[in-house]
Amino acid sequence: MNVGFATILRRWGLVFAICAGAAASGVQVASHAQEMRGSFVRLTEVQQERDALLAEYSRLLLERATLSSYRHVGEMARARLSMRFPEDVTTVVRR
């Protein structure tokens, strides 16, 4: 079987093209894997930040509920504003 030089070159060219495609594919897979790892790290950071913000929000809701309770409002009115409940109540009738 006598194979010409052009045929050998074509076969080697094909082998080279296949190897180059496989190498490029491997580099692309590695690149995507690295990108995915980076995205996962960022996702973890954002989830931790979200958890911290939710905890702070819960504390703020609790503080707001405490400050707006009737007992606390009455105490603050007496202590800070020197307010008092009137001793004599006068009824005003509009005619």
N, C-alpha and C. Protein backbone atom coordinates (compact mmCIF):
# COMPACT_ATOMS: atom_id res chain seq x y z
N MET A 1 0.84 -1.16 0.00
CA MET A 1 0.00 0.00 0.00
C MET A 1 0.89 1.23 0.00
N ASN A 2 0.78 1.95 -1.04
CA ASN A 2 1.61 3.12 -1.22
C ASN A 2 0.74 4.35 -0.95
N VAL A 3 1.08 5.03 0.15
CA VAL A 3 0.32 6.22 0.54
C VAL A 3 1.16 7.43 0.17
N GLY A 4 0.53 8.39 -0.47
CA GLY A 4 1.25 9.58 -0.92
C GLY A 4 1.54 10.53 0.23
N PHE A 5 2.47 11.44 -0.03
CA PHE A 5 2.89 12.43 0.96
C PHE A 5 1.74 13.35 1.34
N ALA A 6 0.89 13.72 0.40
CA ALA A 6 -0.25 14.60 0.64
C ALA A 6 -1.25 13.94 1.59
N THR A 7 -1.44 12.66 1.44
CA THR A 7 -2.36 11.92 2.31
C THR A 7 -1.83 11.89 3.74
N ILE A 8 -0.53 11.69 3.89
CA ILE A 8 0.09 11.67 5.22
C ILE A 8 -0.07 13.05 5.87
N LEU A 9 0.16 14.10 5.11
CA LEU A 9 0.02 15.46 5.64
C LEU A 9 -1.43 15.73 6.06
N ARG A 10 -2.37 15.28 5.26
CA ARG A 10 -3.78 15.46 5.61
C ARG A 10 -4.12 14.74 6.91
N ARG A 11 -3.63 13.51 7.04
CA ARG A 11 -3.91 12.74 8.27
C ARG A 11 -3.30 13.43 9.49
N TRP A 12 -2.04 13.87 9.38
CA TRP A 12 -1.41 14.57 10.49
C TRP A 12 -2.09 15.90 10.79
N GLY A 13 -2.56 16.55 9.76
CA GLY A 13 -3.32 17.80 9.95
C GLY A 13 -4.60 17.55 10.71
N LEU A 14 -5.26 16.44 10.35
CA LEU A 14 -6.49 16.07 11.04
C LEU A 14 -6.20 15.73 12.49
N VAL A 15 -5.15 14.96 12.75
CA VAL A 15 -4.77 14.61 14.12
C VAL A 15 -4.45 15.89 14.92
N PHE A 16 -3.70 16.80 14.29
CA PHE A 16 -3.35 18.06 14.96
C PHE A 16 -4.61 18.87 15.27
N ALA A 17 -5.54 18.94 14.33
CA ALA A 17 -6.78 19.70 14.54
C ALA A 17 -7.60 19.10 15.68
N ILE A 18 -7.65 17.78 15.74
CA ILE A 18 -8.40 17.12 16.82
C ILE A 18 -7.74 17.40 18.16
N CYS A 19 -6.40 17.29 18.22
CA CYS A 19 -5.68 17.57 19.47
C CYS A 19 -5.85 19.03 19.90
N ALA A 20 -5.78 19.95 18.95
CA ALA A 20 -5.95 21.37 19.26
C ALA A 20 -7.37 21.63 19.77
N GLY A 21 -8.36 21.00 19.16
CA GLY A 21 -9.74 21.16 19.62
C GLY A 21 -9.93 20.61 21.03
N ALA A 22 -9.33 19.46 21.31
CA ALA A 22 -9.43 18.87 22.64
C ALA A 22 -8.75 19.76 23.68
N ALA A 23 -7.59 20.33 23.33
CA ALA A 23 -6.88 21.21 24.25
C ALA A 23 -7.69 22.48 24.51
N ALA A 24 -8.25 23.05 23.46
CA ALA A 24 -9.07 24.26 23.62
C ALA A 24 -10.30 23.96 24.47
N SER A 25 -10.90 22.82 24.25
CA SER A 25 -12.06 22.42 25.05
C SER A 25 -11.69 22.25 26.52
N GLY A 26 -10.53 21.65 26.79
CA GLY A 26 -10.07 21.48 28.17
C GLY A 26 -9.82 22.81 28.85
N VAL A 27 -9.21 23.76 28.12
CA VAL A 27 -8.97 25.08 28.69
C VAL A 27 -10.30 25.77 28.99
N GLN A 28 -11.26 25.63 28.09
CA GLN A 28 -12.56 26.25 28.30
C GLN A 28 -13.27 25.64 29.51
N VAL A 29 -13.19 24.33 29.68
CA VAL A 29 -13.81 23.67 30.84
C VAL A 29 -13.17 24.16 32.13
N ALA A 30 -11.83 24.26 32.14
CA ALA A 30 -11.14 24.75 33.33
C ALA A 30 -11.52 26.19 33.64
N SER A 31 -11.65 27.00 32.62
CA SER A 31 -12.04 28.40 32.80
C SER A 31 -13.44 28.51 33.40
N HIS A 32 -14.36 27.73 32.87
CA HIS A 32 -15.73 27.75 33.40
C HIS A 32 -15.78 27.22 34.83
N ALA A 33 -14.98 26.22 35.15
CA ALA A 33 -14.94 25.69 36.51
C ALA A 33 -14.44 26.76 37.48
N GLN A 34 -13.40 27.49 37.09
CA GLN A 34 -12.87 28.56 37.93
C GLN A 34 -13.92 29.67 38.11
N GLU A 35 -14.61 30.00 37.05
CA GLU A 35 -15.67 31.03 37.12
C GLU A 35 -16.78 30.58 38.06
N MET A 36 -17.14 29.30 37.99
CA MET A 36 -18.19 28.77 38.87
C MET A 36 -17.75 28.81 40.33
N ARG A 37 -16.48 28.46 40.60
CA ARG A 37 -15.98 28.54 41.97
C ARG A 37 -16.04 29.97 42.49
N GLY A 38 -15.65 30.93 41.67
CA GLY A 38 -15.71 32.34 42.06
C GLY A 38 -17.14 32.78 42.32
N SER A 39 -18.06 32.34 41.48
CA SER A 39 -19.47 32.68 41.67
C SER A 39 -20.02 32.08 42.95
N PHE A 40 -19.61 30.86 43.27
CA PHE A 40 -20.07 30.21 44.49
C PHE A 40 -19.55 30.95 45.72
N VAL A 41 -18.29 31.39 45.68
CA VAL A 41 -17.72 32.15 46.80
C VAL A 41 -18.50 33.45 46.97
N ARG A 42 -18.79 34.14 45.88
CA ARG A 42 -19.55 35.39 45.95
C ARG A 42 -20.95 35.14 46.48
N LEU A 43 -21.59 34.05 46.06
CA LEU A 43 -22.92 33.70 46.55
C LEU A 43 -22.90 33.49 48.05
N THR A 44 -21.89 32.78 48.54
CA THR A 44 -21.77 32.54 49.98
C THR A 44 -21.61 33.85 50.73
N GLU A 45 -20.80 34.77 50.22
CA GLU A 45 -20.61 36.07 50.86
C GLU A 45 -21.92 36.85 50.91
N VAL A 46 -22.66 36.84 49.81
CA VAL A 46 -23.91 37.58 49.75
C VAL A 46 -24.95 36.97 50.69
N GLN A 47 -24.97 35.65 50.79
CA GLN A 47 -25.91 35.00 51.72
C GLN A 47 -25.57 35.35 53.16
N GLN A 48 -24.29 35.40 53.51
CA GLN A 48 -23.89 35.80 54.87
C GLN A 48 -24.29 37.24 55.15
N GLU A 49 -24.10 38.11 54.17
CA GLU A 49 -24.50 39.51 54.33
C GLU A 49 -26.01 39.62 54.51
N ARG A 50 -26.75 38.83 53.72
CA ARG A 50 -28.21 38.83 53.85
C ARG A 50 -28.64 38.38 55.24
N ASP A 51 -28.00 37.32 55.75
CA ASP A 51 -28.34 36.82 57.08
C ASP A 51 -28.06 37.88 58.15
N ALA A 52 -26.94 38.59 58.03
CA ALA A 52 -26.60 39.64 59.00
C ALA A 52 -27.62 40.77 58.92
N LEU A 53 -28.03 41.15 57.71
CA LEU A 53 -29.02 42.22 57.56
C LEU A 53 -30.38 41.80 58.10
N LEU A 54 -30.77 40.55 57.89
CA LEU A 54 -32.04 40.07 58.44
C LEU A 54 -32.03 40.05 59.96
N ALA A 55 -30.89 39.68 60.55
CA ALA A 55 -30.78 39.69 62.00
C ALA A 55 -30.89 41.12 62.53
N GLU A 56 -30.22 42.06 61.87
CA GLU A 56 -30.31 43.46 62.29
C GLU A 56 -31.73 43.98 62.13
N TYR A 57 -32.39 43.61 61.05
CA TYR A 57 -33.77 44.04 60.82
C TYR A 57 -34.69 43.50 61.92
N SER A 58 -34.48 42.26 62.31
CA SER A 58 -35.29 41.68 63.39
C SER A 58 -35.08 42.45 64.70
N ARG A 59 -33.82 42.79 64.98
CA ARG A 59 -33.55 43.56 66.20
C ARG A 59 -34.20 44.93 66.14
N LEU A 60 -34.17 45.56 64.97
CA LEU A 60 -34.80 46.87 64.84
C LEU A 60 -36.32 46.79 64.99
N LEU A 61 -36.93 45.74 64.46
CA LEU A 61 -38.37 45.56 64.64
C LEU A 61 -38.72 45.40 66.11
N LEU A 62 -37.91 44.63 66.82
CA LEU A 62 -38.13 44.42 68.25
C LEU A 62 -37.98 45.74 69.01
N GLU A 63 -36.96 46.50 68.66
CA GLU A 63 -36.74 47.79 69.32
C GLU A 63 -37.90 48.75 69.03
N ARG A 64 -38.37 48.77 67.80
CA ARG A 64 -39.50 49.64 67.45
C ARG A 64 -40.75 49.23 68.22
N ALA A 65 -40.98 47.94 68.33
CA ALA A 65 -42.16 47.47 69.08
C ALA A 65 -42.04 47.86 70.55
N THR A 66 -40.83 47.78 71.09
CA THR A 66 -40.63 48.15 72.50
C THR A 66 -40.86 49.64 72.70
N LEU A 67 -40.33 50.44 71.81
CA LEU A 67 -40.47 51.90 71.96
C LEU A 67 -41.89 52.38 71.73
N SER A 68 -42.66 51.66 70.96
CA SER A 68 -44.02 52.10 70.67
C SER A 68 -45.05 51.49 71.61
N SER A 69 -44.63 50.71 72.59
CA SER A 69 -45.60 50.13 73.51
C SER A 69 -46.21 51.24 74.36
N TYR A 70 -47.47 51.07 74.76
CA TYR A 70 -48.20 52.11 75.49
C TYR A 70 -47.50 52.44 76.80
N ARG A 71 -47.02 51.46 77.50
CA ARG A 71 -46.35 51.70 78.78
C ARG A 71 -45.13 52.58 78.58
N HIS A 72 -44.35 52.27 77.57
CA HIS A 72 -43.12 53.02 77.31
C HIS A 72 -43.44 54.44 76.85
N VAL A 73 -44.47 54.62 76.05
CA VAL A 73 -44.84 55.95 75.59
C VAL A 73 -45.26 56.81 76.77
N GLY A 74 -46.04 56.25 77.67
CA GLY A 74 -46.46 57.00 78.86
C GLY A 74 -45.28 57.39 79.73
N GLU A 75 -44.34 56.48 79.93
CA GLU A 75 -43.16 56.79 80.72
C GLU A 75 -42.33 57.89 80.07
N MET A 76 -42.15 57.83 78.77
CA MET A 76 -41.37 58.84 78.07
C MET A 76 -42.07 60.19 78.12
N ALA A 77 -43.40 60.21 78.03
CA ALA A 77 -44.14 61.47 78.10
C ALA A 77 -43.94 62.13 79.46
N ARG A 78 -43.96 61.34 80.51
CA ARG A 78 -43.75 61.89 81.85
C ARG A 78 -42.30 62.30 82.07
N ALA A 79 -41.35 61.45 81.68
CA ALA A 79 -39.94 61.69 82.00
C ALA A 79 -39.31 62.76 81.10
N ARG A 80 -39.49 62.67 79.82
CA ARG A 80 -38.79 63.58 78.91
C ARG A 80 -39.57 64.86 78.59
N LEU A 81 -40.88 64.74 78.55
CA LEU A 81 -41.67 65.88 78.13
C LEU A 81 -42.41 66.54 79.29
N SER A 82 -42.27 65.99 80.47
CA SER A 82 -42.95 66.51 81.68
C SER A 82 -44.46 66.62 81.47
N MET A 83 -45.01 65.67 80.78
CA MET A 83 -46.46 65.67 80.57
C MET A 83 -47.12 64.95 81.73
N ARG A 84 -48.35 65.31 81.98
CA ARG A 84 -49.11 64.65 83.04
C ARG A 84 -50.56 64.56 82.61
N PHE A 85 -51.27 63.66 83.24
CA PHE A 85 -52.69 63.53 82.96
C PHE A 85 -53.41 64.63 83.73
N PRO A 86 -54.33 65.34 83.10
CA PRO A 86 -55.00 66.44 83.81
C PRO A 86 -55.82 65.92 84.98
N GLU A 87 -55.79 66.71 86.08
CA GLU A 87 -56.54 66.31 87.28
C GLU A 87 -58.02 66.65 87.13
N ASP A 88 -58.29 67.80 86.54
CA ASP A 88 -59.67 68.19 86.29
C ASP A 88 -59.96 68.09 84.80
N VAL A 89 -60.99 67.39 84.48
CA VAL A 89 -61.37 67.23 83.10
C VAL A 89 -62.63 68.06 82.86
N THR A 90 -62.55 68.94 81.90
CA THR A 90 -63.69 69.81 81.59
C THR A 90 -64.28 69.34 80.27
N THR A 91 -65.57 69.16 80.27
CA THR A 91 -66.26 68.72 79.07
C THR A 91 -66.69 69.96 78.29
N VAL A 92 -66.38 69.99 77.04
CA VAL A 92 -66.75 71.10 76.18
C VAL A 92 -67.82 70.61 75.24
N VAL A 93 -68.95 71.33 75.21
CA VAL A 93 -70.05 70.95 74.35
C VAL A 93 -70.17 72.02 73.29
N ARG A 94 -70.22 71.62 72.08
CA ARG A 94 -70.35 72.54 70.96
C ARG A 94 -71.79 72.67 70.58
N ARG A 95 -72.28 73.91 70.46
CA ARG A 95 -73.69 74.13 70.13
C ARG A 95 -73.84 74.67 68.76
